[in-house]
């Protein structure tokens, strides 16, 4: 699907109207002679010659800008410079199917919770009831299954998950 260049057709109409009004105002106020004078000076600069014709210098400058842009884009560091891992693992504990990968140094990265019933990713949400402010649940938005309830901080739960993954992988 092709992305539209204008998010709203009324914005395109507004821009076209502004251009037409600007051109009409320029014609009525006599700014055409100033524009023609400026354009004639630009053409004169490009047509003049030194040892190297100015039009050729302008072409070289345009090429230099393009090459500098390519080099800048090629030398810019990528946002995720870590090598992606193709080694993934999976295990079920805390009534959740956990999937994770390993980074280049062998550390666990991106442990993600998945529903045991349907396999979709679980979402951790704070439960707003009388059990306290630090009560969360892992819920599947696809099938509605509540996989577990977390009492305490989510960071502590993530540490318990990583400890359990290390136990599973070292056994």
Protein backbone atom coordinates (compact mmCIF):
# COMPACT_ATOMS: atom_id res chain seq x y z
CA UNK A 1 0.00 0.00 0.00
CA UNK A 2 1.32 3.40 -0.96
CA UNK A 3 1.60 6.00 1.76
CA UNK A 4 -0.12 9.28 1.00
CA UNK A 5 2.09 12.33 1.00
CA UNK A 6 -0.59 14.53 2.61
CA UNK A 7 -2.42 13.19 5.66
CA UNK A 8 -5.42 15.40 4.99
CA UNK A 9 -6.67 16.56 1.55
CA UNK A 10 -7.76 19.89 3.02
CA UNK A 11 -4.11 20.64 3.89
CA UNK A 12 -3.13 20.19 0.24
CA UNK A 13 -5.92 22.55 -0.84
CA UNK A 14 -4.81 25.10 1.76
CA UNK A 15 -1.20 24.96 0.53
CA UNK A 16 -2.26 25.31 -3.11
CA UNK A 17 -4.43 28.29 -2.19
CA UNK A 18 -1.57 29.93 -0.31
CA UNK A 19 0.73 29.51 -3.33
CA UNK A 20 -1.84 31.05 -5.68
CA UNK A 21 -2.43 33.99 -3.32
CA UNK A 22 1.34 34.49 -2.95
CA UNK A 23 1.87 34.51 -6.72
CA UNK A 24 -1.01 36.94 -7.24
CA UNK A 25 0.28 39.25 -4.50
CA UNK A 26 3.78 39.15 -6.03
CA UNK A 27 2.43 40.09 -9.44
CA UNK A 28 0.24 42.90 -8.13
CA UNK A 29 2.94 44.45 -5.94
CA UNK A 30 5.63 44.36 -8.62
CA UNK A 31 7.93 41.80 -7.01
CA UNK A 32 8.36 40.02 -10.35
CA UNK A 33 11.11 42.44 -11.38
CA UNK A 34 13.03 41.71 -8.15
CA UNK A 35 12.68 37.97 -8.71
CA UNK A 36 13.81 38.33 -12.33
CA UNK A 37 16.83 40.41 -11.21
CA UNK A 38 17.83 37.76 -8.66
CA UNK A 39 17.36 34.95 -11.17
CA UNK A 40 19.41 36.85 -13.78
CA UNK A 41 22.24 37.25 -11.23
CA UNK A 42 22.17 33.51 -10.51
CA UNK A 43 22.27 32.61 -14.21
CA UNK A 44 25.09 35.14 -14.71
CA UNK A 45 27.11 33.56 -11.91
CA UNK A 46 26.68 30.10 -13.39
CA UNK A 47 27.46 31.31 -16.91
CA UNK A 48 30.62 33.24 -15.96
CA UNK A 49 33.82 31.37 -16.31
CA UNK A 50 37.04 31.26 -14.43
CA UNK A 51 39.67 28.62 -15.05
CA UNK A 52 36.86 26.15 -14.31
CA UNK A 53 33.33 27.08 -15.43
CA UNK A 54 31.10 28.00 -12.49
CA UNK A 55 28.35 25.64 -13.63
CA UNK A 56 30.84 22.79 -13.35
CA UNK A 57 31.84 23.94 -9.87
CA UNK A 58 28.16 23.92 -8.90
CA UNK A 59 27.81 20.37 -10.24
CA UNK A 60 30.87 19.27 -8.24
CA UNK A 61 29.45 20.90 -5.11
CA UNK A 62 26.14 19.09 -5.54
CA UNK A 63 27.97 15.76 -5.96
CA UNK A 64 30.08 16.49 -2.87
CA UNK A 65 26.95 17.12 -0.80
CA UNK A 66 25.42 13.82 -1.99
CA UNK A 67 28.60 11.84 -1.25
CA UNK A 68 28.90 13.47 2.20
CA UNK A 69 25.31 12.44 2.94
CA UNK A 70 25.98 8.84 1.89
CA UNK A 71 29.13 8.70 4.01
CA UNK A 72 27.35 10.20 6.99
CA UNK A 73 24.55 7.65 6.72
CA UNK A 74 26.98 4.76 6.26
CA UNK A 75 29.20 5.73 9.20
CA UNK A 76 26.37 6.44 11.65
CA UNK A 77 26.15 3.70 14.28
CA UNK A 78 23.02 1.61 14.18
CA UNK A 79 20.49 1.92 16.98
CA UNK A 80 20.79 -1.70 18.04
CA UNK A 81 24.46 -2.52 17.58
CA UNK A 82 24.25 -5.80 19.50
CA UNK A 83 24.28 -8.89 17.30
CA UNK A 84 20.89 -10.55 17.24
CA UNK A 85 20.82 -14.05 18.57
CA UNK A 86 19.29 -16.96 16.74
CA UNK A 87 19.51 -19.20 19.82
CA UNK A 88 16.18 -19.10 21.63
CA UNK A 89 14.84 -21.16 24.49
CA UNK A 90 11.47 -21.81 26.06
CA UNK A 91 10.22 -23.23 29.35
CA UNK A 92 7.10 -23.06 31.50
CA UNK A 93 7.10 -21.89 35.11
CA UNK A 94 4.94 -19.60 37.28
CA UNK A 95 2.01 -20.84 35.12
CA UNK A 96 3.54 -18.96 32.15
CA UNK A 97 5.41 -20.12 29.04
CA UNK A 98 8.62 -18.08 28.92
CA UNK A 99 10.63 -17.52 25.74
CA UNK A 100 14.03 -15.88 25.73
CA UNK A 101 17.17 -15.46 23.62
CA UNK A 102 20.86 -15.19 24.39
CA UNK A 103 23.10 -12.28 23.46
CA UNK A 104 26.63 -12.60 22.08
CA UNK A 105 28.14 -13.09 25.53
CA UNK A 106 25.67 -15.83 26.52
CA UNK A 107 23.48 -13.69 28.79
CA UNK A 108 19.71 -14.07 28.78
CA UNK A 109 17.94 -11.26 27.00
CA UNK A 110 14.32 -10.40 26.37
CA UNK A 111 12.43 -12.99 28.44
CA UNK A 112 8.85 -12.67 27.24
CA UNK A 113 5.76 -14.22 28.87
CA UNK A 114 3.29 -16.20 26.74
CA UNK A 115 -0.07 -17.75 27.54
CA UNK A 116 -0.10 -21.50 28.20
CA UNK A 117 -3.59 -21.80 26.68
CA UNK A 118 -3.28 -19.97 23.37
CA UNK A 119 0.42 -19.04 23.06
CA UNK A 120 -0.09 -15.29 22.67
CA UNK A 121 2.00 -12.78 24.57
CA UNK A 122 0.85 -11.82 28.06
CA UNK A 123 0.43 -8.26 29.30
CA UNK A 124 1.34 -7.20 32.85
CA UNK A 125 -1.21 -4.80 34.32
CA UNK A 126 -1.73 -3.27 37.73
CA UNK A 127 -4.85 -4.54 39.48
CA UNK A 128 -6.84 -1.69 40.95
CA UNK A 129 -8.56 -3.22 43.93
CA UNK A 130 -8.18 -3.46 47.71
CA UNK A 131 -5.15 -5.80 47.56
CA UNK A 132 -2.72 -2.90 47.52
CA UNK A 133 -0.89 -0.68 45.07
CA UNK A 134 1.74 -3.32 44.24
CA UNK A 135 -0.54 -6.03 42.90
CA UNK A 136 -0.29 -6.98 39.22
CA UNK A 137 -1.64 -9.67 36.96
CA UNK A 138 -0.33 -11.32 33.80
CA UNK A 139 -3.30 -11.47 31.46
CA UNK A 140 -3.71 -12.75 27.91
CA UNK A 141 -5.58 -10.18 25.86
CA UNK A 142 -6.49 -12.83 23.29
CA UNK A 143 -8.23 -15.45 25.44
CA UNK A 144 -8.63 -13.49 28.72
CA UNK A 145 -6.74 -16.04 30.81
CA UNK A 146 -5.07 -14.66 33.96
CA UNK A 147 -1.82 -16.61 34.13
CA UNK A 148 -0.59 -15.29 37.48
CA UNK A 149 -0.91 -12.54 40.02
CA UNK A 150 2.18 -10.70 41.22
CA UNK A 151 2.29 -9.25 44.71
CA UNK A 152 5.22 -6.88 45.01
CA UNK A 153 7.17 -4.99 42.40
CA UNK A 154 7.46 -6.10 38.80
CA UNK A 155 11.25 -5.72 39.04
CA UNK A 156 11.38 -8.32 41.82
CA UNK A 157 9.27 -10.67 39.73
CA UNK A 158 11.59 -10.18 36.74
CA UNK A 159 14.57 -11.03 38.98
CA UNK A 160 12.80 -14.23 40.10
CA UNK A 161 12.14 -15.10 36.45
CA UNK A 162 15.80 -14.58 35.52
CA UNK A 163 16.91 -16.65 38.53
CA UNK A 164 14.57 -19.43 37.45
CA UNK A 165 15.86 -19.29 33.87
CA UNK A 166 19.44 -19.58 35.17
CA UNK A 167 18.39 -22.57 37.31
CA UNK A 168 16.75 -24.25 34.31
CA UNK A 169 19.68 -23.63 31.98
CA UNK A 170 22.39 -24.65 34.45
CA UNK A 171 20.65 -27.93 35.40
